[in-house]
């Protein structure tokens, strides 16, 4: 499932990106298995990566950093995600498919980021995914 930020032939962000697409991605990360029980990516692991994205977003907005400065750190999210997923899969043997989806989410999203505008669309998309993920129950590891 590829991530497409913009309407075809346009610079408008697709409305489905924050609705249908985000919900479908969230459903790949967590699955309800009964009343108040879920399996999937832990809140801690997803939140950690999400916070890193928000930190980079703040560098652009609050610190007024140039995109050329921030872009390499955005691309570095891919190896950070790979590391997070590998460690989590070692600890949570039955959650591999969910962590693979997390890795796909970040890799495909980051692959689509070439400009500051793309990064803003990715940040908003990830926020929508996180909202749906949390609604579905997100796995609390405490």
N, C-alpha and C. Protein backbone atom coordinates (compact mmCIF):
# COMPACT_ATOMS: atom_id res chain seq x y z
N UNK A 1 0.85 -1.17 0.00
CA UNK A 1 0.00 0.00 0.00
C UNK A 1 0.90 1.24 0.00
N UNK A 2 0.97 1.92 -1.12
CA UNK A 2 1.86 3.07 -1.20
C UNK A 2 1.18 4.33 -0.66
N UNK A 3 1.99 5.25 -0.24
CA UNK A 3 1.50 6.50 0.33
C UNK A 3 1.64 7.58 -0.74
N UNK A 4 0.51 8.17 -1.12
CA UNK A 4 0.48 9.24 -2.12
C UNK A 4 -0.04 10.48 -1.40
N UNK A 5 0.79 11.51 -1.34
CA UNK A 5 0.43 12.72 -0.61
C UNK A 5 -0.53 13.62 -1.38
N UNK A 6 -0.34 13.74 -2.69
CA UNK A 6 -1.06 14.76 -3.46
C UNK A 6 -2.01 14.17 -4.49
N UNK A 7 -3.02 14.97 -4.84
CA UNK A 7 -3.92 14.61 -5.94
C UNK A 7 -3.08 14.50 -7.20
N UNK A 8 -3.43 13.57 -8.07
CA UNK A 8 -2.67 13.37 -9.30
C UNK A 8 -2.69 14.65 -10.14
N UNK A 9 -1.50 15.09 -10.56
CA UNK A 9 -1.38 16.28 -11.39
C UNK A 9 -1.65 17.58 -10.64
N UNK A 10 -1.62 17.54 -9.33
CA UNK A 10 -1.95 18.72 -8.53
C UNK A 10 -1.00 18.84 -7.36
N UNK A 11 -1.01 20.00 -6.74
CA UNK A 11 -0.22 20.17 -5.52
C UNK A 11 -1.12 20.17 -4.29
N UNK A 12 -2.37 19.73 -4.45
CA UNK A 12 -3.30 19.64 -3.32
C UNK A 12 -3.14 18.31 -2.61
N UNK A 13 -3.11 18.35 -1.29
CA UNK A 13 -3.01 17.12 -0.50
C UNK A 13 -4.32 16.35 -0.66
N UNK A 14 -4.22 15.06 -0.87
CA UNK A 14 -5.40 14.21 -1.02
C UNK A 14 -6.18 14.16 0.29
N UNK A 15 -7.48 14.38 0.24
CA UNK A 15 -8.29 14.34 1.46
C UNK A 15 -8.34 12.93 2.04
N UNK A 16 -8.26 11.91 1.19
CA UNK A 16 -8.27 10.52 1.66
C UNK A 16 -7.03 10.19 2.48
N UNK A 17 -5.98 10.96 2.30
CA UNK A 17 -4.73 10.71 3.01
C UNK A 17 -4.94 10.70 4.52
N UNK A 18 -5.72 11.66 5.02
CA UNK A 18 -5.90 11.81 6.46
C UNK A 18 -7.10 11.02 6.99
N UNK A 19 -7.84 10.42 6.10
CA UNK A 19 -9.05 9.69 6.49
C UNK A 19 -8.87 8.20 6.17
N UNK A 20 -9.26 7.81 5.00
CA UNK A 20 -9.25 6.40 4.61
C UNK A 20 -7.85 5.79 4.66
N UNK A 21 -6.88 6.46 4.06
CA UNK A 21 -5.51 5.92 4.03
C UNK A 21 -4.93 5.78 5.43
N UNK A 22 -5.09 6.83 6.24
CA UNK A 22 -4.55 6.80 7.60
C UNK A 22 -5.17 5.67 8.42
N UNK A 23 -6.46 5.48 8.28
CA UNK A 23 -7.14 4.43 9.03
C UNK A 23 -6.67 3.05 8.59
N UNK A 24 -6.49 2.86 7.28
CA UNK A 24 -6.01 1.58 6.78
C UNK A 24 -4.61 1.26 7.31
N UNK A 25 -3.76 2.27 7.35
CA UNK A 25 -2.42 2.05 7.91
C UNK A 25 -2.50 1.71 9.40
N UNK A 26 -3.34 2.42 10.13
CA UNK A 26 -3.48 2.15 11.57
C UNK A 26 -3.96 0.72 11.80
N UNK A 27 -4.86 0.26 10.97
CA UNK A 27 -5.37 -1.11 11.11
C UNK A 27 -4.30 -2.16 10.83
N UNK A 28 -3.26 -1.79 10.12
CA UNK A 28 -2.14 -2.71 9.90
C UNK A 28 -1.21 -2.76 11.12
N UNK A 29 -1.31 -1.75 11.99
CA UNK A 29 -0.40 -1.66 13.14
C UNK A 29 -0.95 -2.30 14.40
N UNK A 30 -2.27 -2.42 14.50
CA UNK A 30 -2.88 -2.92 15.72
C UNK A 30 -4.19 -3.62 15.37
N UNK A 31 -4.49 -4.67 16.13
CA UNK A 31 -5.71 -5.43 15.88
C UNK A 31 -6.40 -5.75 17.20
N UNK A 32 -7.65 -5.32 17.35
CA UNK A 32 -8.42 -5.71 18.54
C UNK A 32 -8.65 -7.23 18.53
N UNK A 33 -8.47 -7.88 19.67
CA UNK A 33 -8.67 -9.34 19.73
C UNK A 33 -9.69 -9.71 20.81
N UNK A 34 -10.41 -8.76 21.27
CA UNK A 34 -11.41 -8.99 22.32
C UNK A 34 -11.68 -7.70 23.04
N UNK A 35 -12.55 -7.79 24.00
CA UNK A 35 -12.87 -6.59 24.76
C UNK A 35 -11.64 -6.10 25.51
N UNK A 36 -11.23 -4.87 25.17
CA UNK A 36 -10.09 -4.21 25.80
C UNK A 36 -8.77 -4.94 25.63
N UNK A 37 -8.67 -5.80 24.62
CA UNK A 37 -7.41 -6.49 24.33
C UNK A 37 -7.05 -6.26 22.87
N UNK A 38 -5.78 -6.00 22.64
CA UNK A 38 -5.29 -5.79 21.28
C UNK A 38 -3.92 -6.43 21.14
N UNK A 39 -3.50 -6.63 19.90
CA UNK A 39 -2.12 -7.03 19.65
C UNK A 39 -1.59 -6.15 18.55
N UNK A 40 -0.30 -5.94 18.56
CA UNK A 40 0.30 -5.11 17.53
C UNK A 40 1.49 -4.32 18.04
N UNK A 41 1.75 -3.20 17.39
CA UNK A 41 2.88 -2.33 17.72
C UNK A 41 2.61 -1.67 19.07
N UNK A 42 3.61 -1.66 19.93
CA UNK A 42 3.43 -1.04 21.25
C UNK A 42 3.35 0.48 21.12
N UNK A 43 2.60 1.09 22.01
CA UNK A 43 2.48 2.55 22.02
C UNK A 43 3.84 3.19 22.17
N UNK A 44 4.64 2.61 23.03
CA UNK A 44 5.97 3.18 23.29
C UNK A 44 6.80 3.26 22.01
N UNK A 45 6.83 2.18 21.25
CA UNK A 45 7.66 2.16 20.05
C UNK A 45 7.14 3.12 18.99
N UNK A 46 5.82 3.12 18.78
CA UNK A 46 5.25 4.04 17.79
C UNK A 46 5.43 5.48 18.24
N UNK A 47 5.17 5.74 19.49
CA UNK A 47 5.27 7.10 20.02
C UNK A 47 6.70 7.62 19.91
N UNK A 48 7.67 6.75 20.15
CA UNK A 48 9.07 7.16 20.07
C UNK A 48 9.42 7.67 18.66
N UNK A 49 8.99 6.93 17.65
CA UNK A 49 9.25 7.34 16.27
C UNK A 49 8.43 8.58 15.91
N UNK A 50 7.19 8.61 16.36
CA UNK A 50 6.32 9.76 16.10
C UNK A 50 6.92 11.02 16.71
N UNK A 51 7.43 10.93 17.93
CA UNK A 51 8.04 12.08 18.60
C UNK A 51 9.29 12.56 17.85
N UNK A 52 10.02 11.65 17.26
CA UNK A 52 11.20 12.04 16.47
C UNK A 52 10.78 12.85 15.25
N UNK A 53 9.71 12.45 14.60
CA UNK A 53 9.18 13.20 13.46
C UNK A 53 8.73 14.59 13.92
N UNK A 54 8.03 14.66 15.04
CA UNK A 54 7.57 15.94 15.56
C UNK A 54 8.76 16.84 15.94
N UNK A 55 9.82 16.24 16.46
CA UNK A 55 11.02 17.01 16.81
C UNK A 55 11.61 17.67 15.56
N UNK A 56 11.67 16.92 14.47
CA UNK A 56 12.20 17.48 13.23
C UNK A 56 11.27 18.57 12.68
N UNK A 57 9.99 18.36 12.83
CA UNK A 57 9.02 19.37 12.40
C UNK A 57 9.22 20.67 13.19
N UNK A 58 9.47 20.54 14.48
CA UNK A 58 9.70 21.71 15.32
C UNK A 58 10.99 22.43 14.93
N UNK A 59 11.99 21.69 14.47
CA UNK A 59 13.22 22.33 14.01
C UNK A 59 12.92 23.28 12.85
N UNK A 60 12.03 22.87 11.98
CA UNK A 60 11.67 23.72 10.84
C UNK A 60 10.84 24.92 11.27
N UNK A 61 9.90 24.68 12.17
CA UNK A 61 8.95 25.73 12.54
C UNK A 61 9.52 26.67 13.60
N UNK A 62 9.89 26.11 14.74
CA UNK A 62 10.31 26.94 15.88
C UNK A 62 11.73 27.44 15.76
N UNK A 63 12.61 26.57 15.30
CA UNK A 63 14.02 26.96 15.24
C UNK A 63 14.38 27.60 13.91
N UNK A 64 13.41 27.62 13.00
CA UNK A 64 13.60 28.23 11.68
C UNK A 64 14.80 27.65 10.93
N UNK A 65 15.01 26.35 11.11
CA UNK A 65 16.09 25.68 10.37
C UNK A 65 15.69 25.56 8.91
N UNK A 66 16.66 25.56 8.04
CA UNK A 66 16.42 25.40 6.61
C UNK A 66 16.17 23.92 6.30
N UNK A 67 15.37 23.68 5.26
CA UNK A 67 15.06 22.32 4.85
C UNK A 67 16.33 21.53 4.54
N UNK A 68 17.31 22.16 3.94
CA UNK A 68 18.55 21.47 3.60
C UNK A 68 19.24 20.92 4.86
N UNK A 69 19.07 21.60 5.98
CA UNK A 69 19.63 21.13 7.24
C UNK A 69 18.85 19.94 7.80
N UNK A 70 17.53 20.00 7.70
CA UNK A 70 16.66 18.99 8.32
C UNK A 70 16.53 17.73 7.47
N UNK A 71 16.58 17.85 6.16
CA UNK A 71 16.32 16.72 5.26
C UNK A 71 17.16 15.48 5.57
N UNK A 72 18.47 15.59 5.80
CA UNK A 72 19.23 14.38 6.11
C UNK A 72 18.73 13.64 7.37
N UNK A 73 18.24 14.41 8.34
CA UNK A 73 17.72 13.81 9.56
C UNK A 73 16.38 13.12 9.31
N UNK A 74 15.62 13.66 8.36
CA UNK A 74 14.38 13.00 7.96
C UNK A 74 14.71 11.65 7.33
N UNK A 75 15.68 11.63 6.44
CA UNK A 75 16.07 10.37 5.79
C UNK A 75 16.67 9.39 6.81
N UNK A 76 17.26 9.91 7.88
CA UNK A 76 17.82 9.04 8.92
C UNK A 76 16.73 8.33 9.73
N UNK A 77 15.49 8.76 9.58
CA UNK A 77 14.39 8.06 10.26
C UNK A 77 14.25 6.62 9.77
N UNK A 78 14.66 6.36 8.54
CA UNK A 78 14.55 4.99 8.02
C UNK A 78 15.44 4.01 8.80
N UNK A 79 16.73 4.30 9.00
CA UNK A 79 17.52 3.37 9.82
C UNK A 79 17.08 3.33 11.29
N UNK A 80 16.59 4.46 11.81
CA UNK A 80 16.09 4.45 13.18
C UNK A 80 14.88 3.53 13.30
N UNK A 81 14.02 3.58 12.29
CA UNK A 81 12.86 2.70 12.27
C UNK A 81 13.29 1.24 12.14
N UNK A 82 14.25 0.98 11.29
CA UNK A 82 14.76 -0.39 11.11
C UNK A 82 15.28 -0.94 12.43
N UNK A 83 16.03 -0.13 13.16
CA UNK A 83 16.57 -0.53 14.45
C UNK A 83 15.44 -0.81 15.45
N UNK A 84 14.49 0.11 15.53
CA UNK A 84 13.35 -0.04 16.45
C UNK A 84 12.58 -1.31 16.15
N UNK A 85 12.31 -1.55 14.88
CA UNK A 85 11.54 -2.72 14.48
C UNK A 85 12.31 -4.01 14.78
N UNK A 86 13.58 -4.04 14.47
CA UNK A 86 14.38 -5.24 14.73
C UNK A 86 14.40 -5.58 16.22
N UNK A 87 14.60 -4.58 17.04
CA UNK A 87 14.61 -4.82 18.50
C UNK A 87 13.26 -5.29 19.01
N UNK A 88 12.21 -4.65 18.52
CA UNK A 88 10.86 -5.01 18.97
C UNK A 88 10.49 -6.42 18.54
N UNK A 89 10.87 -6.78 17.34
CA UNK A 89 10.55 -8.13 16.84
C UNK A 89 11.30 -9.20 17.64
N UNK A 90 12.48 -8.87 18.14
CA UNK A 90 13.21 -9.81 19.00
C UNK A 90 12.48 -10.01 20.32
N UNK A 91 11.90 -8.94 20.85
CA UNK A 91 11.21 -9.01 22.14
C UNK A 91 9.80 -9.56 22.02
N UNK A 92 9.10 -9.19 20.95
CA UNK A 92 7.69 -9.55 20.80
C UNK A 92 7.53 -10.45 19.57
N UNK A 93 7.82 -11.71 19.75
CA UNK A 93 7.86 -12.66 18.65
C UNK A 93 6.57 -12.75 17.85
N UNK A 94 5.42 -12.58 18.48
CA UNK A 94 4.14 -12.73 17.79
C UNK A 94 3.64 -11.45 17.13
N UNK A 95 4.41 -10.40 17.18
CA UNK A 95 3.95 -9.12 16.64
C UNK A 95 4.71 -8.72 15.38
N UNK A 96 5.45 -9.63 14.79
CA UNK A 96 6.30 -9.31 13.64
C UNK A 96 5.59 -8.65 12.49
N UNK A 97 4.42 -9.15 12.13
CA UNK A 97 3.69 -8.59 10.99
C UNK A 97 3.29 -7.14 11.25
N UNK A 98 3.00 -6.79 12.49
CA UNK A 98 2.63 -5.42 12.84
C UNK A 98 3.84 -4.49 12.78
N UNK A 99 4.97 -4.99 13.23
CA UNK A 99 6.19 -4.18 13.17
C UNK A 99 6.69 -4.03 11.74
N UNK A 100 6.48 -5.05 10.92
CA UNK A 100 6.82 -4.91 9.50
C UNK A 100 5.98 -3.80 8.87
N UNK A 101 4.71 -3.70 9.27
CA UNK A 101 3.83 -2.64 8.77
C UNK A 101 4.32 -1.27 9.23
N UNK A 102 4.82 -1.18 10.48
CA UNK A 102 5.37 0.07 10.98
C UNK A 102 6.57 0.50 10.14
N UNK A 103 7.42 -0.45 9.85
CA UNK A 103 8.60 -0.16 9.02
C UNK A 103 8.17 0.29 7.63
N UNK A 104 7.19 -0.40 7.05
CA UNK A 104 6.67 0.00 5.73
C UNK A 104 6.10 1.41 5.77
N UNK A 105 5.35 1.72 6.81
CA UNK A 105 4.75 3.05 6.96
C UNK A 105 5.81 4.14 6.91
N UNK A 106 6.85 3.98 7.70
CA UNK A 106 7.90 5.00 7.73
C UNK A 106 8.73 5.00 6.45
N UNK A 107 9.10 3.83 5.95
CA UNK A 107 9.91 3.78 4.73
C UNK A 107 9.18 4.39 3.54
N UNK A 108 7.94 3.99 3.33
CA UNK A 108 7.19 4.51 2.20
C UNK A 108 6.90 5.99 2.35
N UNK A 109 6.58 6.41 3.55
CA UNK A 109 6.34 7.83 3.79
C UNK A 109 7.58 8.66 3.55
N UNK A 110 8.69 8.23 4.10
CA UNK A 110 9.94 8.98 3.97
C UNK A 110 10.45 8.96 2.53
N UNK A 111 10.23 7.85 1.83
CA UNK A 111 10.62 7.81 0.42
C UNK A 111 9.88 8.87 -0.40
N UNK A 112 8.69 9.24 0.03
CA UNK A 112 7.91 10.25 -0.67
C UNK A 112 8.24 11.68 -0.27
N UNK A 113 9.16 11.83 0.67
CA UNK A 113 9.52 13.18 1.16
C UNK A 113 10.77 13.67 0.44
N UNK A 114 10.58 14.71 -0.38
CA UNK A 114 11.71 15.33 -1.08
C UNK A 114 11.80 16.83 -0.81
N UNK A 115 10.70 17.40 -0.37
CA UNK A 115 10.67 18.84 -0.11
C UNK A 115 10.11 19.07 1.30
N UNK A 116 10.26 20.29 1.77
CA UNK A 116 9.70 20.64 3.07
C UNK A 116 8.19 20.47 3.06
N UNK A 117 7.56 20.78 1.96
CA UNK A 117 6.11 20.61 1.82
C UNK A 117 5.72 19.14 1.94
N UNK A 118 6.48 18.27 1.31
CA UNK A 118 6.24 16.83 1.42
C UNK A 118 6.35 16.39 2.88
N UNK A 119 7.36 16.91 3.56
CA UNK A 119 7.56 16.55 4.96
C UNK A 119 6.38 16.99 5.81
N UNK A 120 5.85 18.18 5.55
CA UNK A 120 4.68 18.65 6.29
C UNK A 120 3.49 17.71 6.05
N UNK A 121 3.30 17.27 4.81
CA UNK A 121 2.21 16.35 4.50
C UNK A 121 2.43 15.02 5.22
N UNK A 122 3.67 14.54 5.25
CA UNK A 122 3.99 13.29 5.95
C UNK A 122 3.70 13.43 7.44
N UNK A 123 4.09 14.54 8.04
CA UNK A 123 3.84 14.77 9.47
C UNK A 123 2.35 14.74 9.78
N UNK A 124 1.56 15.42 8.97
CA UNK A 124 0.12 15.44 9.18
C UNK A 124 -0.49 14.05 8.99
N UNK A 125 -0.01 13.35 7.98
CA UNK A 125 -0.48 11.98 7.73
C UNK A 125 -0.15 11.08 8.91
N UNK A 126 1.07 11.16 9.41
CA UNK A 126 1.48 10.32 10.53
C UNK A 126 0.65 10.64 11.78
N UNK A 127 0.32 11.90 11.96
CA UNK A 127 -0.53 12.29 13.08
C UNK A 127 -1.92 11.65 12.96
N UNK A 128 -2.44 11.61 11.74
CA UNK A 128 -3.74 10.97 11.51
C UNK A 128 -3.66 9.47 11.77
N UNK A 129 -2.60 8.84 11.31
CA UNK A 129 -2.42 7.40 11.55
C UNK A 129 -2.35 7.14 13.05
N UNK A 130 -1.59 7.96 13.76
CA UNK A 130 -1.45 7.78 15.21
C UNK A 130 -2.79 7.93 15.91
N UNK A 131 -3.59 8.87 15.46
CA UNK A 131 -4.93 9.05 16.05
C UNK A 131 -5.80 7.82 15.88
N UNK A 132 -5.82 7.27 14.68
CA UNK A 132 -6.60 6.05 14.43
C UNK A 132 -6.02 4.86 15.19
N UNK A 133 -4.70 4.78 15.22
CA UNK A 133 -4.02 3.71 15.96
C UNK A 133 -4.45 3.73 17.42
N UNK A 134 -4.45 4.92 17.99
CA UNK A 134 -4.83 5.05 19.40
C UNK A 134 -6.30 4.69 19.61
N UNK A 135 -7.14 5.10 18.66
CA UNK A 135 -8.56 4.78 18.74
C UNK A 135 -8.77 3.26 18.73
N UNK A 136 -7.98 2.56 17.94
CA UNK A 136 -8.10 1.11 17.85
C UNK A 136 -7.56 0.40 19.09
N UNK A 137 -6.94 1.14 19.95
CA UNK A 137 -6.49 0.56 21.21
C UNK A 137 -5.01 0.59 21.43
N UNK A 138 -4.22 0.83 20.36
CA UNK A 138 -2.77 0.87 20.54
C UNK A 138 -2.31 -0.04 21.67
N UNK A 139 -1.26 -0.74 21.52
CA UNK A 139 -0.85 -1.71 22.53
C UNK A 139 -0.06 -1.02 23.62
N UNK A 140 -0.60 -1.05 24.84
CA UNK A 140 0.08 -0.49 25.99
C UNK A 140 0.91 -1.60 26.61
N UNK A 141 2.21 -1.40 26.67
CA UNK A 141 3.10 -2.46 27.16
C UNK A 141 3.35 -2.40 28.65
N UNK A 142 2.70 -1.49 29.34
CA UNK A 142 2.91 -1.40 30.80
C UNK A 142 2.03 -2.36 31.54
